[in-house]
């Protein structure tokens, strides 16, 4: 965490995603304006995001700010299907980019193509998911939170709130990071925790699945979602089911902060996605410019941080501008 906070000081020098599935989205002006006087670089970020996930808008916001400072052309693409994500990485390799930022939600699908990146001499930073696989794929560093530790923090928070029976909603089956969050929460939670797999790309399905679960089990007193967009949907499901369960979530956005303020949600776990995007681009620039390796090959932690109603006053303006 200290490494991440130290590197975050560079921000002073600078100032879930849009587009179709599998498309490549160019940054809107990233790399323009005043910044460093170093050779122009192109860095591609390829995430496992599905459509409409606001989390990845925040990641991109940080990446674009770093790109603006570092004279980097930032290219972003995404696909929630692992094979297509690997194809997007291959496309970036074929374009001979100067650096790659990649998520490892489904690491087995990414190992082969990242070996090709290494063979091509393209440095890689992994972010957000799959920290334990980062060194295996040859990444310079991993930037994100330890998902198991983050999950344990949730279990401890649920204990403080005297919760007895929780439902952990997994919105992408097979995503190792989401599974680690639920497992970590279950490990530290003194009560009973079950999991529910839903199709995160289909919000009506998410709502109906959570609603049905709450209707069938009135003892559930906490619903834990693993991404901000699913919190509001689960809150609707709770209301329709007539449940009194508290809705808690991983990740922040403006809607979650508003919900904390209005007590629609109990708490959120912030992994600071802006930092993940910013530090990834900056780390690749530092590696190119000065052979620096942020974190010394170890994970650079950006979370977890438990956020409650009392934190709203200091965070509200940042979520409104899309950086928290």
C-alpha atoms as a PDB file:
ATOM      1  CA  UNK A   1       0.000   0.000   0.000  1.00  0.00           C
ATOM      2  CA  UNK A   2       2.874   2.336   0.827  1.00  0.00           C
ATOM      3  CA  UNK A   3       4.253   1.848  -2.674  1.00  0.00           C
ATOM      4  CA  UNK A   4       0.890   2.688  -4.222  1.00  0.00           C
ATOM      5  CA  UNK A   5       0.472   5.811  -2.086  1.00  0.00           C
ATOM      6  CA  UNK A   6       3.992   7.018  -2.828  1.00  0.00           C
ATOM      7  CA  UNK A   7       3.517   6.570  -6.542  1.00  0.00           C
ATOM      8  CA  UNK A   8       0.119   8.226  -6.320  1.00  0.00           C
ATOM      9  CA  UNK A   9       1.888  11.469  -5.482  1.00  0.00           C
ATOM     10  CA  UNK A  10       2.662  11.650  -9.200  1.00  0.00           C
ATOM     11  CA  UNK A  11      -0.980  12.564  -9.718  1.00  0.00           C
ATOM     12  CA  UNK A  12      -0.034  16.157  -8.973  1.00  0.00           C
ATOM     13  CA  UNK A  13       1.984  16.251 -12.153  1.00  0.00           C
ATOM     14  CA  UNK A  14      -0.999  15.320 -14.298  1.00  0.00           C
ATOM     15  CA  UNK A  15      -4.063  17.061 -13.739  1.00  0.00           C
ATOM     16  CA  UNK A  16     -17.787  -1.882 -15.874  1.00  0.00           C
ATOM     17  CA  UNK A  17     -16.858   0.925 -20.142  1.00  0.00           C
ATOM     18  CA  UNK A  18     -18.387   2.056 -23.374  1.00  0.00           C
ATOM     19  CA  UNK A  19     -18.434   0.754 -26.917  1.00  0.00           C
ATOM     20  CA  UNK A  20     -19.394  -2.595 -28.330  1.00  0.00           C
ATOM     21  CA  UNK A  21     -18.180  -5.912 -27.044  1.00  0.00           C
ATOM     22  CA  UNK A  22     -14.804  -6.763 -28.493  1.00  0.00           C
ATOM     23  CA  UNK A  23     -14.343  -3.277 -29.919  1.00  0.00           C
ATOM     24  CA  UNK A  24     -11.252  -1.179 -29.384  1.00  0.00           C
ATOM     25  CA  UNK A  25     -11.933   2.220 -27.896  1.00  0.00           C
ATOM     26  CA  UNK A  26      -9.371   4.957 -28.397  1.00  0.00           C
ATOM     27  CA  UNK A  27      -8.862   7.337 -25.526  1.00  0.00           C
ATOM     28  CA  UNK A  28     -10.570  10.708 -25.875  1.00  0.00           C
ATOM     29  CA  UNK A  29      -7.530  12.943 -25.935  1.00  0.00           C
ATOM     30  CA  UNK A  30      -5.343  10.918 -23.569  1.00  0.00           C
ATOM     31  CA  UNK A  31      -1.748  11.710 -24.303  1.00  0.00           C
ATOM     32  CA  UNK A  32      -2.537  15.285 -25.353  1.00  0.00           C
ATOM     33  CA  UNK A  33      -1.745  18.450 -23.418  1.00  0.00           C
ATOM     34  CA  UNK A  34       1.366  19.196 -21.366  1.00  0.00           C
ATOM     35  CA  UNK A  35       3.370  16.364 -19.854  1.00  0.00           C
ATOM     36  CA  UNK A  36       6.779  14.777 -19.924  1.00  0.00           C
ATOM     37  CA  UNK A  37       9.241  15.292 -22.752  1.00  0.00           C
ATOM     38  CA  UNK A  38       9.875  11.606 -23.480  1.00  0.00           C
ATOM     39  CA  UNK A  39       9.336   9.611 -26.687  1.00  0.00           C
ATOM     40  CA  UNK A  40       5.736   8.838 -27.585  1.00  0.00           C
ATOM     41  CA  UNK A  41       4.525   5.406 -26.391  1.00  0.00           C
ATOM     42  CA  UNK A  42       1.443   3.325 -27.132  1.00  0.00           C
ATOM     43  CA  UNK A  43       0.006   1.286 -24.285  1.00  0.00           C
ATOM     44  CA  UNK A  44      -2.982  -1.028 -24.692  1.00  0.00           C
ATOM     45  CA  UNK A  45      -5.256  -2.050 -21.841  1.00  0.00           C
ATOM     46  CA  UNK A  46      -7.411  -5.163 -22.334  1.00  0.00           C
ATOM     47  CA  UNK A  47      -9.899  -5.953 -19.571  1.00  0.00           C
ATOM     48  CA  UNK A  48     -12.467  -8.676 -18.901  1.00  0.00           C
ATOM     49  CA  UNK A  49     -15.229  -6.107 -18.487  1.00  0.00           C
ATOM     50  CA  UNK A  50     -18.724  -6.751 -19.738  1.00  0.00           C
ATOM     51  CA  UNK A  51     -20.960  -4.023 -21.134  1.00  0.00           C
ATOM     52  CA  UNK A  52     -21.930  -1.057 -18.983  1.00  0.00           C
ATOM     53  CA  UNK A  53     -19.684  -1.749 -15.990  1.00  0.00           C
ATOM     54  CA  UNK A  54     -19.013   1.685 -14.474  1.00  0.00           C
ATOM     55  CA  UNK A  55     -16.021   0.342 -12.553  1.00  0.00           C
ATOM     56  CA  UNK A  56     -14.005   0.296 -15.766  1.00  0.00           C
ATOM     57  CA  UNK A  57     -14.941   3.884 -16.576  1.00  0.00           C
ATOM     58  CA  UNK A  58     -13.092   4.845 -13.391  1.00  0.00           C
ATOM     59  CA  UNK A  59     -10.095   2.650 -14.264  1.00  0.00           C
ATOM     60  CA  UNK A  60      -9.931   4.325 -17.662  1.00  0.00           C
ATOM     61  CA  UNK A  61     -10.177   7.767 -16.071  1.00  0.00           C
ATOM     62  CA  UNK A  62      -6.991   7.093 -14.101  1.00  0.00           C
ATOM     63  CA  UNK A  63      -5.241   5.555 -17.110  1.00  0.00           C
ATOM     64  CA  UNK A  64      -6.084   8.534 -19.321  1.00  0.00           C
ATOM     65  CA  UNK A  65      -4.770  11.018 -16.765  1.00  0.00           C
ATOM     66  CA  UNK A  66      -1.477   9.117 -16.520  1.00  0.00           C
ATOM     67  CA  UNK A  67      -1.310   8.831 -20.322  1.00  0.00           C
ATOM     68  CA  UNK A  68      -1.794  12.574 -20.636  1.00  0.00           C
ATOM     69  CA  UNK A  69       1.128  13.201 -18.300  1.00  0.00           C
ATOM     70  CA  UNK A  70       3.402  10.535 -19.782  1.00  0.00           C
ATOM     71  CA  UNK A  71       2.968  11.256 -23.518  1.00  0.00           C
ATOM     72  CA  UNK A  72       1.225   7.920 -24.037  1.00  0.00           C
ATOM     73  CA  UNK A  73      -1.350   6.920 -26.619  1.00  0.00           C
ATOM     74  CA  UNK A  74      -3.799   4.863 -24.537  1.00  0.00           C
ATOM     75  CA  UNK A  75      -5.923   2.232 -26.302  1.00  0.00           C
ATOM     76  CA  UNK A  76      -8.634   0.371 -24.405  1.00  0.00           C
ATOM     77  CA  UNK A  77     -10.575  -2.739 -25.366  1.00  0.00           C
ATOM     78  CA  UNK A  78     -12.566  -5.313 -23.425  1.00  0.00           C
ATOM     79  CA  UNK A  79     -14.513  -8.539 -23.591  1.00  0.00           C
ATOM     80  CA  UNK A  80     -16.028 -10.625 -20.824  1.00  0.00           C
ATOM     81  CA  UNK A  81     -15.463 -13.858 -22.769  1.00  0.00           C
ATOM     82  CA  UNK A  82     -11.962 -15.098 -22.010  1.00  0.00           C
ATOM     83  CA  UNK A  83     -11.100 -16.343 -25.502  1.00  0.00           C
ATOM     84  CA  UNK A  84     -12.080 -13.047 -27.089  1.00  0.00           C
ATOM     85  CA  UNK A  85     -10.137 -11.123 -24.451  1.00  0.00           C
ATOM     86  CA  UNK A  86      -7.055 -13.146 -25.445  1.00  0.00           C
ATOM     87  CA  UNK A  87      -7.709 -12.278 -29.105  1.00  0.00           C
ATOM     88  CA  UNK A  88      -7.737  -8.585 -28.223  1.00  0.00           C
ATOM     89  CA  UNK A  89      -4.382  -8.998 -26.497  1.00  0.00           C
ATOM     90  CA  UNK A  90      -3.041 -10.713 -29.625  1.00  0.00           C
ATOM     91  CA  UNK A  91      -4.286  -7.797 -31.716  1.00  0.00           C
ATOM     92  CA  UNK A  92      -2.352  -5.380 -29.496  1.00  0.00           C
ATOM     93  CA  UNK A  93       0.783  -7.525 -29.862  1.00  0.00           C
ATOM     94  CA  UNK A  94       0.377  -7.522 -33.647  1.00  0.00           C
ATOM     95  CA  UNK A  95       0.230  -3.713 -33.548  1.00  0.00           C
ATOM     96  CA  UNK A  96       3.576  -3.734 -31.697  1.00  0.00           C
ATOM     97  CA  UNK A  97       2.415  -1.668 -28.750  1.00  0.00           C
ATOM     98  CA  UNK A  98       5.036  -0.503 -26.263  1.00  0.00           C
ATOM     99  CA  UNK A  99       3.254  -1.917 -23.226  1.00  0.00           C
ATOM    100  CA  UNK A 100       0.256  -3.983 -22.164  1.00  0.00           C
ATOM    101  CA  UNK A 101      -2.100  -3.733 -19.192  1.00  0.00           C
ATOM    102  CA  UNK A 102      -4.166  -6.897 -18.774  1.00  0.00           C
ATOM    103  CA  UNK A 103      -6.604  -8.405 -16.283  1.00  0.00           C
ATOM    104  CA  UNK A 104      -6.410 -12.063 -15.284  1.00  0.00           C
ATOM    105  CA  UNK A 105      -9.982 -12.866 -14.280  1.00  0.00           C
ATOM    106  CA  UNK A 106      -9.656 -16.154 -16.202  1.00  0.00           C
ATOM    107  CA  UNK A 107      -5.901 -16.670 -16.221  1.00  0.00           C
ATOM    108  CA  UNK A 108      -5.754 -19.974 -18.091  1.00  0.00           C
ATOM    109  CA  UNK A 109      -7.056 -18.291 -21.245  1.00  0.00           C
ATOM    110  CA  UNK A 110      -4.432 -15.540 -21.024  1.00  0.00           C
ATOM    111  CA  UNK A 111      -1.237 -17.476 -20.314  1.00  0.00           C
ATOM    112  CA  UNK A 112      -0.474 -18.433 -23.920  1.00  0.00           C
ATOM    113  CA  UNK A 113      -0.962 -15.003 -25.443  1.00  0.00           C
ATOM    114  CA  UNK A 114       1.017 -13.288 -22.673  1.00  0.00           C
ATOM    115  CA  UNK A 115       3.938 -15.623 -23.400  1.00  0.00           C
ATOM    116  CA  UNK A 116       3.803 -14.228 -26.938  1.00  0.00           C
ATOM    117  CA  UNK A 117       3.915 -10.694 -25.529  1.00  0.00           C
ATOM    118  CA  UNK A 118       7.000 -11.564 -23.520  1.00  0.00           C
ATOM    119  CA  UNK A 119       8.645 -13.145 -26.566  1.00  0.00           C
ATOM    120  CA  UNK A 120       7.877  -9.950 -28.520  1.00  0.00           C
ATOM    121  CA  UNK A 121       9.584  -7.885 -25.811  1.00  0.00           C
ATOM    122  CA  UNK A 122       6.389  -6.130 -24.720  1.00  0.00           C
ATOM    123  CA  UNK A 123       6.308  -5.408 -20.957  1.00  0.00           C
ATOM    124  CA  UNK A 124       3.097  -6.360 -19.153  1.00  0.00           C
ATOM    125  CA  UNK A 125       1.406  -5.040 -16.034  1.00  0.00           C
ATOM    126  CA  UNK A 126      -1.569  -6.951 -14.665  1.00  0.00           C
ATOM    127  CA  UNK A 127      -4.320  -5.185 -12.755  1.00  0.00           C
ATOM    128  CA  UNK A 128      -7.465  -5.875 -10.761  1.00  0.00           C
ATOM    129  CA  UNK A 129      -7.701  -9.670 -10.900  1.00  0.00           C
ATOM    130  CA  UNK A 130      -5.479 -12.740 -10.786  1.00  0.00           C
ATOM    131  CA  UNK A 131      -2.660 -11.338  -8.659  1.00  0.00           C
ATOM    132  CA  UNK A 132      -1.328 -14.804  -7.837  1.00  0.00           C
ATOM    133  CA  UNK A 133      -0.822 -15.518 -11.548  1.00  0.00           C
ATOM    134  CA  UNK A 134       0.989 -12.267 -12.392  1.00  0.00           C
ATOM    135  CA  UNK A 135       4.526 -13.563 -11.986  1.00  0.00           C
ATOM    136  CA  UNK A 136       3.641 -16.766 -13.836  1.00  0.00           C
ATOM    137  CA  UNK A 137       2.702 -14.792 -16.964  1.00  0.00           C
ATOM    138  CA  UNK A 138       5.815 -12.631 -16.687  1.00  0.00           C
ATOM    139  CA  UNK A 139       4.166  -9.402 -15.514  1.00  0.00           C
ATOM    140  CA  UNK A 140       6.407  -6.669 -14.116  1.00  0.00           C
ATOM    141  CA  UNK A 141       3.887  -6.117 -11.318  1.00  0.00           C
ATOM    142  CA  UNK A 142       0.257  -6.562 -10.323  1.00  0.00           C
ATOM    143  CA  UNK A 143      -1.767  -3.544  -9.216  1.00  0.00           C
ATOM    144  CA  UNK A 144      -4.993  -4.105  -7.279  1.00  0.00           C
ATOM    145  CA  UNK A 145      -6.259  -5.517  -4.027  1.00  0.00           C
ATOM    146  CA  UNK A 146      -5.688  -8.928  -2.490  1.00  0.00           C
ATOM    147  CA  UNK A 147      -9.142 -10.392  -3.077  1.00  0.00           C
ATOM    148  CA  UNK A 148      -8.976 -12.952  -0.282  1.00  0.00           C
ATOM    149  CA  UNK A 149      -7.968 -10.272   2.237  1.00  0.00           C
ATOM    150  CA  UNK A 150     -10.691  -7.967   0.906  1.00  0.00           C
ATOM    151  CA  UNK A 151     -13.226 -10.754   1.378  1.00  0.00           C
ATOM    152  CA  UNK A 152     -12.059 -11.343   4.931  1.00  0.00           C
ATOM    153  CA  UNK A 153     -12.508  -7.620   5.650  1.00  0.00           C
ATOM    154  CA  UNK A 154     -16.117  -7.963   4.506  1.00  0.00           C
ATOM    155  CA  UNK A 155     -16.728 -10.944   6.784  1.00  0.00           C
ATOM    156  CA  UNK A 156     -15.363  -8.990   9.722  1.00  0.00           C
ATOM    157  CA  UNK A 157     -17.578  -6.008   8.880  1.00  0.00           C
ATOM    158  CA  UNK A 158     -20.630  -8.261   8.705  1.00  0.00           C
ATOM    159  CA  UNK A 159     -19.724  -9.603  12.161  1.00  0.00           C
ATOM    160  CA  UNK A 160     -19.568  -6.030  13.506  1.00  0.00           C
ATOM    161  CA  UNK A 161     -23.057  -5.491  12.105  1.00  0.00           C
ATOM    162  CA  UNK A 162     -24.283  -8.643  13.841  1.00  0.00           C
ATOM    163  CA  UNK A 163     -25.346 -10.316  10.607  1.00  0.00           C
ATOM    164  CA  UNK A 164     -26.169 -14.016  10.763  1.00  0.00           C
ATOM    165  CA  UNK A 165     -26.916 -15.191   7.231  1.00  0.00           C
ATOM    166  CA  UNK A 166     -25.416 -13.679   4.077  1.00  0.00           C
ATOM    167  CA  UNK A 167     -25.808 -14.228   0.347  1.00  0.00           C
ATOM    168  CA  UNK A 168     -22.768 -13.569  -1.873  1.00  0.00           C
ATOM    169  CA  UNK A 169     -23.826 -12.812  -5.464  1.00  0.00           C
ATOM    170  CA  UNK A 170     -21.250 -13.829  -8.115  1.00  0.00           C
ATOM    171  CA  UNK A 171     -21.977 -11.991 -11.359  1.00  0.00           C
ATOM    172  CA  UNK A 172     -19.414 -13.776 -13.551  1.00  0.00           C
ATOM    173  CA  UNK A 173     -19.007 -17.516 -13.133  1.00  0.00           C
ATOM    174  CA  UNK A 174     -15.394 -18.702 -13.348  1.00  0.00           C
ATOM    175  CA  UNK A 175     -13.884 -15.323 -12.413  1.00  0.00           C
ATOM    176  CA  UNK A 176     -11.194 -16.277  -9.888  1.00  0.00           C
ATOM    177  CA  UNK A 177     -11.200 -12.889  -8.159  1.00  0.00           C
ATOM    178  CA  UNK A 178     -14.940 -12.942  -7.495  1.00  0.00           C
ATOM    179  CA  UNK A 179     -14.710 -16.450  -6.115  1.00  0.00           C
ATOM    180  CA  UNK A 180     -11.848 -15.361  -3.824  1.00  0.00           C
ATOM    181  CA  UNK A 181     -13.951 -12.503  -2.470  1.00  0.00           C
ATOM    182  CA  UNK A 182     -16.788 -14.804  -1.477  1.00  0.00           C
ATOM    183  CA  UNK A 183     -14.390 -17.395  -0.057  1.00  0.00           C
ATOM    184  CA  UNK A 184     -12.570 -14.759   2.006  1.00  0.00           C
ATOM    185  CA  UNK A 185     -15.837 -13.373   3.362  1.00  0.00           C
ATOM    186  CA  UNK A 186     -17.059 -16.859   4.258  1.00  0.00           C
ATOM    187  CA  UNK A 187     -13.777 -17.590   6.059  1.00  0.00           C
ATOM    188  CA  UNK A 188     -14.001 -14.650   8.471  1.00  0.00           C
ATOM    189  CA  UNK A 189     -17.795 -14.431   8.779  1.00  0.00           C
ATOM    190  CA  UNK A 190     -19.144 -15.994  11.964  1.00  0.00           C
ATOM    191  CA  UNK A 191     -22.538 -16.627  10.405  1.00  0.00           C
ATOM    192  CA  UNK A 192     -23.687 -18.684   7.424  1.00  0.00           C
ATOM    193  CA  UNK A 193     -22.823 -17.584   3.894  1.00  0.00           C
ATOM    194  CA  UNK A 194     -24.060 -19.043   0.613  1.00  0.00           C
ATOM    195  CA  UNK A 195     -23.286 -18.054  -2.979  1.00  0.00           C
ATOM    196  CA  UNK A 196     -25.558 -17.300  -5.924  1.00  0.00           C
ATOM    197  CA  UNK A 197     -24.298 -17.272  -9.518  1.00  0.00           C
ATOM    198  CA  UNK A 198     -26.054 -14.841 -11.851  1.00  0.00           C
ATOM    199  CA  UNK A 199     -25.532 -13.546 -15.385  1.00  0.00           C
ATOM    200  CA  UNK A 200     -23.995 -10.137 -14.782  1.00  0.00           C
ATOM    201  CA  UNK A 201     -24.607  -9.044 -18.378  1.00  0.00           C
ATOM    202  CA  UNK A 202     -28.368  -9.463 -17.863  1.00  0.00           C
ATOM    203  CA  UNK A 203     -29.642  -7.185 -15.094  1.00  0.00           C
ATOM    204  CA  UNK A 204     -33.244  -8.471 -15.215  1.00  0.00           C
ATOM    205  CA  UNK A 205     -31.819 -11.948 -14.585  1.00  0.00           C
ATOM    206  CA  UNK A 206     -29.746 -10.626 -11.673  1.00  0.00           C
ATOM    207  CA  UNK A 207     -32.793  -8.999 -10.115  1.00  0.00           C
ATOM    208  CA  UNK A 208     -35.102 -11.983 -10.557  1.00  0.00           C
ATOM    209  CA  UNK A 209     -32.488 -14.442  -9.248  1.00  0.00           C
ATOM    210  CA  UNK A 210     -31.752 -12.425  -6.104  1.00  0.00           C
ATOM    211  CA  UNK A 211     -35.460 -11.772  -5.557  1.00  0.00           C
ATOM    212  CA  UNK A 212     -36.273 -15.472  -5.794  1.00  0.00           C
ATOM    213  CA  UNK A 213     -33.512 -16.360  -3.338  1.00  0.00           C
ATOM    214  CA  UNK A 214     -34.704 -13.782  -0.808  1.00  0.00           C
ATOM    215  CA  UNK A 215     -38.306 -14.927  -1.153  1.00  0.00           C
ATOM    216  CA  UNK A 216     -37.311 -18.537  -0.524  1.00  0.00           C
ATOM    217  CA  UNK A 217     -35.153 -17.746   2.502  1.00  0.00           C
ATOM    218  CA  UNK A 218     -36.385 -14.978   4.783  1.00  0.00           C
ATOM    219  CA  UNK A 219     -33.477 -15.557   7.203  1.00  0.00           C
ATOM    220  CA  UNK A 220     -30.978 -13.911   4.811  1.00  0.00           C
ATOM    221  CA  UNK A 221     -30.071 -10.614   6.486  1.00  0.00           C
ATOM    222  CA  UNK A 222     -27.269  -9.470   4.174  1.00  0.00           C
ATOM    223  CA  UNK A 223     -26.824  -9.491   0.393  1.00  0.00           C
ATOM    224  CA  UNK A 224     -23.231  -8.990  -0.733  1.00  0.00           C
ATOM    225  CA  UNK A 225     -22.710  -7.962  -4.353  1.00  0.00           C
ATOM    226  CA  UNK A 226     -19.252  -8.018  -5.926  1.00  0.00           C
ATOM    227  CA  UNK A 227     -19.549  -4.963  -8.159  1.00  0.00           C
ATOM    228  CA  UNK A 228     -21.212  -1.563  -7.817  1.00  0.00           C
ATOM    229  CA  UNK A 229     -23.738  -1.925 -10.687  1.00  0.00           C
ATOM    230  CA  UNK A 230     -25.246  -4.989  -9.013  1.00  0.00           C
ATOM    231  CA  UNK A 231     -25.908  -3.277  -5.690  1.00  0.00           C
ATOM    232  CA  UNK A 232     -28.807  -1.134  -6.912  1.00  0.00           C
ATOM    233  CA  UNK A 233     -30.312  -4.102  -8.769  1.00  0.00           C
ATOM    234  CA  UNK A 234     -30.113  -6.231  -5.627  1.00  0.00           C
ATOM    235  CA  UNK A 235     -31.723  -3.429  -3.622  1.00  0.00           C
ATOM    236  CA  UNK A 236     -34.679  -3.516  -6.048  1.00  0.00           C
ATOM    237  CA  UNK A 237     -34.845  -7.302  -5.676  1.00  0.00           C
ATOM    238  CA  UNK A 238     -34.843  -6.949  -1.903  1.00  0.00           C
ATOM    239  CA  UNK A 239     -37.742  -4.479  -1.993  1.00  0.00           C
ATOM    240  CA  UNK A 240     -39.788  -6.673  -4.339  1.00  0.00           C
ATOM    241  CA  UNK A 241     -39.174  -9.705  -2.164  1.00  0.00           C
ATOM    242  CA  UNK A 242     -40.218  -7.812   0.958  1.00  0.00           C
ATOM    243  CA  UNK A 243     -36.880  -8.643   2.558  1.00  0.00           C
ATOM    244  CA  UNK A 244     -35.208  -6.671   5.329  1.00  0.00           C
ATOM    245  CA  UNK A 245     -31.713  -7.782   4.307  1.00  0.00           C
ATOM    246  CA  UNK A 246     -28.961  -5.157   4.171  1.00  0.00           C
ATOM    247  CA  UNK A 247     -27.333  -4.743   0.743  1.00  0.00           C
ATOM    248  CA  UNK A 248     -23.541  -4.338   0.828  1.00  0.00           C
ATOM    249  CA  UNK A 249     -21.159  -4.236  -2.107  1.00  0.00           C
ATOM    250  CA  UNK A 250     -17.663  -4.233  -3.469  1.00  0.00           C
ATOM    251  CA  UNK A 251     -16.632  -1.105  -5.385  1.00  0.00           C
ATOM    252  CA  UNK A 252     -17.792   2.483  -5.463  1.00  0.00           C
ATOM    253  CA  UNK A 253     -19.531   4.689  -7.974  1.00  0.00           C
ATOM    254  CA  UNK A 254     -21.744   7.758  -7.636  1.00  0.00           C
ATOM    255  CA  UNK A 255     -24.864   5.607  -7.259  1.00  0.00           C
ATOM    256  CA  UNK A 256     -23.342   3.569  -4.429  1.00  0.00           C
ATOM    257  CA  UNK A 257     -22.185   6.688  -2.571  1.00  0.00           C
ATOM    258  CA  UNK A 258     -25.682   8.142  -2.914  1.00  0.00           C
ATOM    259  CA  UNK A 259     -27.096   4.844  -1.634  1.00  0.00           C
ATOM    260  CA  UNK A 260     -24.780   4.912   1.378  1.00  0.00           C
ATOM    261  CA  UNK A 261     -25.924   8.452   2.120  1.00  0.00           C
ATOM    262  CA  UNK A 262     -29.583   7.432   1.867  1.00  0.00           C
ATOM    263  CA  UNK A 263     -28.927   4.181   3.783  1.00  0.00           C
ATOM    264  CA  UNK A 264     -30.012   2.030   0.845  1.00  0.00           C
ATOM    265  CA  UNK A 265     -26.675   0.242   1.276  1.00  0.00           C
ATOM    266  CA  UNK A 266     -24.798  -0.622   4.450  1.00  0.00           C
ATOM    267  CA  UNK A 267     -21.174  -0.423   3.328  1.00  0.00           C
ATOM    268  CA  UNK A 268     -18.940  -0.705   0.280  1.00  0.00           C
ATOM    269  CA  UNK A 269     -15.414  -2.031  -0.280  1.00  0.00           C
ATOM    270  CA  UNK A 270     -13.320   0.394  -2.295  1.00  0.00           C
ATOM    271  CA  UNK A 271     -10.313  -0.947  -4.221  1.00  0.00           C
ATOM    272  CA  UNK A 272      -9.611   2.477  -5.804  1.00  0.00           C
ATOM    273  CA  UNK A 273      -9.906   1.662  -9.523  1.00  0.00           C
ATOM    274  CA  UNK A 274      -8.608   5.092 -10.524  1.00  0.00           C
ATOM    275  CA  UNK A 275      -5.296   4.157  -8.929  1.00  0.00           C
ATOM    276  CA  UNK A 276      -5.229   0.834 -10.756  1.00  0.00           C
ATOM    277  CA  UNK A 277      -5.505   2.549 -14.122  1.00  0.00           C
ATOM    278  CA  UNK A 278      -3.177   5.416 -13.272  1.00  0.00           C
ATOM    279  CA  UNK A 279      -0.433   3.348 -11.690  1.00  0.00           C
ATOM    280  CA  UNK A 280      -0.458   0.751 -14.479  1.00  0.00           C
ATOM    281  CA  UNK A 281       0.198   3.313 -17.219  1.00  0.00           C
ATOM    282  CA  UNK A 282       2.701   5.209 -15.092  1.00  0.00           C
ATOM    283  CA  UNK A 283       4.544   2.017 -14.141  1.00  0.00           C
ATOM    284  CA  UNK A 284       5.023   1.080 -17.807  1.00  0.00           C
ATOM    285  CA  UNK A 285       6.221   4.597 -18.603  1.00  0.00           C
ATOM    286  CA  UNK A 286       8.681   4.481 -15.678  1.00  0.00           C
ATOM    287  CA  UNK A 287       9.924   1.093 -16.848  1.00  0.00           C
ATOM    288  CA  UNK A 288      10.531   2.437 -20.359  1.00  0.00           C
ATOM    289  CA  UNK A 289      12.075   5.717 -19.209  1.00  0.00           C
ATOM    290  CA  UNK A 290      14.180   4.606 -16.269  1.00  0.00           C
ATOM    291  CA  UNK A 291      14.005   0.771 -16.005  1.00  0.00           C
ATOM    292  CA  UNK A 292      11.981   1.147 -12.788  1.00  0.00           C
ATOM    293  CA  UNK A 293       9.808  -1.727 -11.599  1.00  0.00           C
ATOM    294  CA  UNK A 294       7.036  -0.544  -9.316  1.00  0.00           C
ATOM    295  CA  UNK A 295       6.597  -2.826  -6.308  1.00  0.00           C
ATOM    296  CA  UNK A 296       9.815  -4.733  -6.932  1.00  0.00           C
ATOM    297  CA  UNK A 297       7.850  -7.555  -8.544  1.00  0.00           C
ATOM    298  CA  UNK A 298       5.400  -7.743  -5.619  1.00  0.00           C
ATOM    299  CA  UNK A 299       1.713  -6.764  -5.785  1.00  0.00           C
ATOM    300  CA  UNK A 300       0.966  -3.069  -5.331  1.00  0.00           C
ATOM    301  CA  UNK A 301      -2.152  -2.897  -3.164  1.00  0.00           C
ATOM    302  CA  UNK A 302      -4.851  -0.294  -3.822  1.00  0.00           C
ATOM    303  CA  UNK A 303      -7.378  -1.675  -1.322  1.00  0.00           C
ATOM    304  CA  UNK A 304      -9.436  -2.811   0.455  1.00  0.00           C
ATOM    305  CA  UNK A 305     -11.021   0.157   2.215  1.00  0.00           C
ATOM    306  CA  UNK A 306     -14.389  -0.181   3.948  1.00  0.00           C
ATOM    307  CA  UNK A 307     -16.595   2.819   3.103  1.00  0.00           C
ATOM    308  CA  UNK A 308     -19.723   3.664   5.112  1.00  0.00           C
ATOM    309  CA  UNK A 309     -22.187   6.514   5.432  1.00  0.00           C
ATOM    310  CA  UNK A 310     -19.694   8.528   7.489  1.00  0.00           C
ATOM    311  CA  UNK A 311     -17.226   8.573   4.584  1.00  0.00           C
ATOM    312  CA  UNK A 312     -19.687  10.085   2.108  1.00  0.00           C
ATOM    313  CA  UNK A 313     -18.838  13.783   2.781  1.00  0.00           C
ATOM    314  CA  UNK A 314     -15.175  13.335   1.837  1.00  0.00           C
ATOM    315  CA  UNK A 315     -15.808  11.100  -1.200  1.00  0.00           C
ATOM    316  CA  UNK A 316     -18.979  12.479  -2.791  1.00  0.00           C
ATOM    317  CA  UNK A 317     -17.359  15.112  -5.007  1.00  0.00           C
ATOM    318  CA  UNK A 318     -14.851  12.568  -6.363  1.00  0.00           C
ATOM    319  CA  UNK A 319     -17.485  10.006  -7.291  1.00  0.00           C
ATOM    320  CA  UNK A 320     -19.455  12.753  -9.032  1.00  0.00           C
ATOM    321  CA  UNK A 321     -16.470  13.526 -11.254  1.00  0.00           C
ATOM    322  CA  UNK A 322     -15.828   9.840 -11.921  1.00  0.00           C
ATOM    323  CA  UNK A 323     -12.506   9.278 -10.155  1.00  0.00           C
ATOM    324  CA  UNK A 324     -13.752   7.254  -7.133  1.00  0.00           C
END
